[in-house]
Amino acid sequence: MREQLRKAGDFLRDMDDSYTSKINQMYSGANPVVQAAGAMIGGGHPSLRKGDGSDIKNKHVRNLYEYGMPAVAAVPKYVLPATGAGLALQGLSSMFGGQADMPESNQLPLQ
């Protein structure tokens, strides 16, 4: 069981790394400031790997960076698209069940 969980974790990390590299390729020819913003808030940091804060001396700031950057990067990669899909599904489902779905007064009821 433990081996299966490790393999699943490795698979998910590899998938996230691949997705992250595709995002970073989108920013490859941009201004360095845009590249840094893309890495920091645009999803260009791996979400399933701890950040490398080895050059940060303050341990609290280093921990904040190492664990915070993956969480921040997950928002534009995974949370926002899932939220958008949920809102679209809600919009579609609200189209059903209105007046257009009710039988007209001169029709026989379906039973």
Protein backbone atom coordinates (compact mmCIF):
# COMPACT_ATOMS: atom_id res chain seq x y z
CA MET A 1 0.00 0.00 0.00
CA ARG A 2 2.80 2.39 0.93
CA GLU A 3 4.56 1.69 -2.37
CA GLN A 4 1.38 2.46 -4.32
CA LEU A 5 1.01 5.78 -2.50
CA ARG A 6 4.62 6.66 -3.25
CA LYS A 7 4.13 5.85 -6.94
CA ALA A 8 0.93 7.92 -7.06
CA GLY A 9 2.74 10.84 -5.39
CA ASP A 10 5.62 10.58 -7.86
CA PHE A 11 3.16 10.51 -10.76
CA LEU A 12 1.33 13.60 -9.50
CA ARG A 13 4.61 15.47 -8.88
CA ASP A 14 5.82 14.61 -12.40
CA MET A 15 2.53 15.80 -13.86
CA ASP A 16 2.73 19.06 -11.88
CA ASP A 17 6.36 19.57 -12.92
CA SER A 18 5.43 19.15 -16.57
CA TYR A 19 2.54 21.60 -16.25
CA THR A 20 4.80 24.08 -14.45
CA SER A 21 7.42 23.90 -17.19
CA LYS A 22 4.73 24.59 -19.82
CA ILE A 23 3.66 27.67 -17.87
CA ASN A 24 7.27 28.85 -17.60
CA GLN A 25 7.71 28.38 -21.38
CA MET A 26 4.87 30.86 -21.90
CA TYR A 27 6.93 33.49 -20.06
CA SER A 28 10.30 32.56 -21.63
CA GLY A 29 10.62 35.52 -24.04
CA ALA A 30 9.09 38.09 -21.72
CA ASN A 31 10.63 40.88 -19.69
CA PRO A 32 12.49 39.53 -16.59
CA VAL A 33 9.97 41.26 -14.32
CA VAL A 34 7.12 39.46 -16.10
CA GLN A 35 9.04 36.19 -15.85
CA ALA A 36 9.48 36.65 -12.10
CA ALA A 37 5.80 37.53 -11.66
CA GLY A 38 4.84 34.48 -13.72
CA ALA A 39 6.95 32.28 -11.49
CA MET A 40 5.64 33.84 -8.29
CA ILE A 41 1.92 34.35 -8.94
CA GLY A 42 1.32 32.92 -12.41
CA GLY A 43 1.74 29.27 -11.52
CA GLY A 44 5.38 28.99 -12.61
CA HIS A 45 6.48 27.35 -9.37
CA PRO A 46 5.88 23.63 -8.70
CA SER A 47 2.87 23.12 -6.45
CA LEU A 48 3.75 19.65 -5.20
CA ARG A 49 7.38 20.30 -4.30
CA LYS A 50 8.82 22.37 -1.50
CA GLY A 51 10.44 25.60 -2.65
CA ASP A 52 14.21 26.03 -2.51
CA GLY A 53 14.85 28.68 0.09
CA SER A 54 18.37 27.56 0.94
CA ASP A 55 19.85 31.04 0.42
CA ILE A 56 17.39 32.67 2.87
CA LYS A 57 19.06 33.05 6.27
CA ASN A 58 16.01 33.77 8.45
CA LYS A 59 14.40 30.40 9.20
CA HIS A 60 10.86 31.80 9.49
CA VAL A 61 11.09 33.59 6.15
CA ARG A 62 12.69 30.49 4.60
CA ASN A 63 9.83 28.29 5.86
CA LEU A 64 7.29 30.79 4.61
CA TYR A 65 8.90 30.73 1.17
CA GLU A 66 9.43 26.97 1.01
CA TYR A 67 5.85 26.10 1.95
CA GLY A 68 4.07 29.25 0.80
CA MET A 69 5.27 29.39 -2.80
CA PRO A 70 3.81 25.99 -3.72
CA ALA A 71 0.47 26.99 -2.20
CA VAL A 72 0.45 30.35 -3.99
CA ALA A 73 1.35 28.68 -7.30
CA ALA A 74 -1.50 26.17 -6.94
CA VAL A 75 -4.15 28.90 -7.03
CA PRO A 76 -3.79 29.99 -10.70
CA LYS A 77 -2.99 26.44 -11.85
CA TYR A 78 -5.70 24.44 -10.12
CA VAL A 79 -8.08 26.49 -7.96
CA LEU A 80 -9.12 29.19 -10.45
CA PRO A 81 -9.82 26.80 -13.36
CA ALA A 82 -11.85 24.51 -11.08
CA THR A 83 -13.81 27.51 -9.76
CA GLY A 84 -14.48 28.71 -13.30
CA ALA A 85 -15.69 25.27 -14.34
CA GLY A 86 -17.97 25.10 -11.31
CA LEU A 87 -19.45 28.51 -12.08
CA ALA A 88 -20.04 27.51 -15.70
CA LEU A 89 -21.76 24.30 -14.58
CA GLN A 90 -23.92 26.28 -12.17
CA GLY A 91 -24.90 28.65 -14.99
CA LEU A 92 -25.84 25.73 -17.23
CA SER A 93 -27.85 23.99 -14.55
CA SER A 94 -29.79 27.14 -13.70
CA MET A 95 -31.09 27.23 -17.26
CA PHE A 96 -33.20 24.12 -16.59
CA GLY A 97 -36.36 23.97 -14.54
CA GLY A 98 -37.79 27.34 -15.50
CA GLN A 99 -41.06 28.29 -17.15
CA ALA A 100 -39.97 26.78 -20.48
CA ASP A 101 -39.83 23.31 -18.90
CA MET A 102 -43.41 23.46 -17.60
CA PRO A 103 -46.29 21.96 -19.64
CA GLU A 104 -48.69 24.37 -21.29
CA SER A 105 -52.25 24.60 -19.98
CA ASN A 106 -53.86 22.72 -22.91
CA GLN A 107 -51.51 19.69 -22.79
CA LEU A 108 -52.15 16.33 -21.17
CA PRO A 109 -50.01 15.64 -18.09
CA LEU A 110 -47.27 13.03 -18.40
CA GLN A 111 -47.69 10.30 -15.78
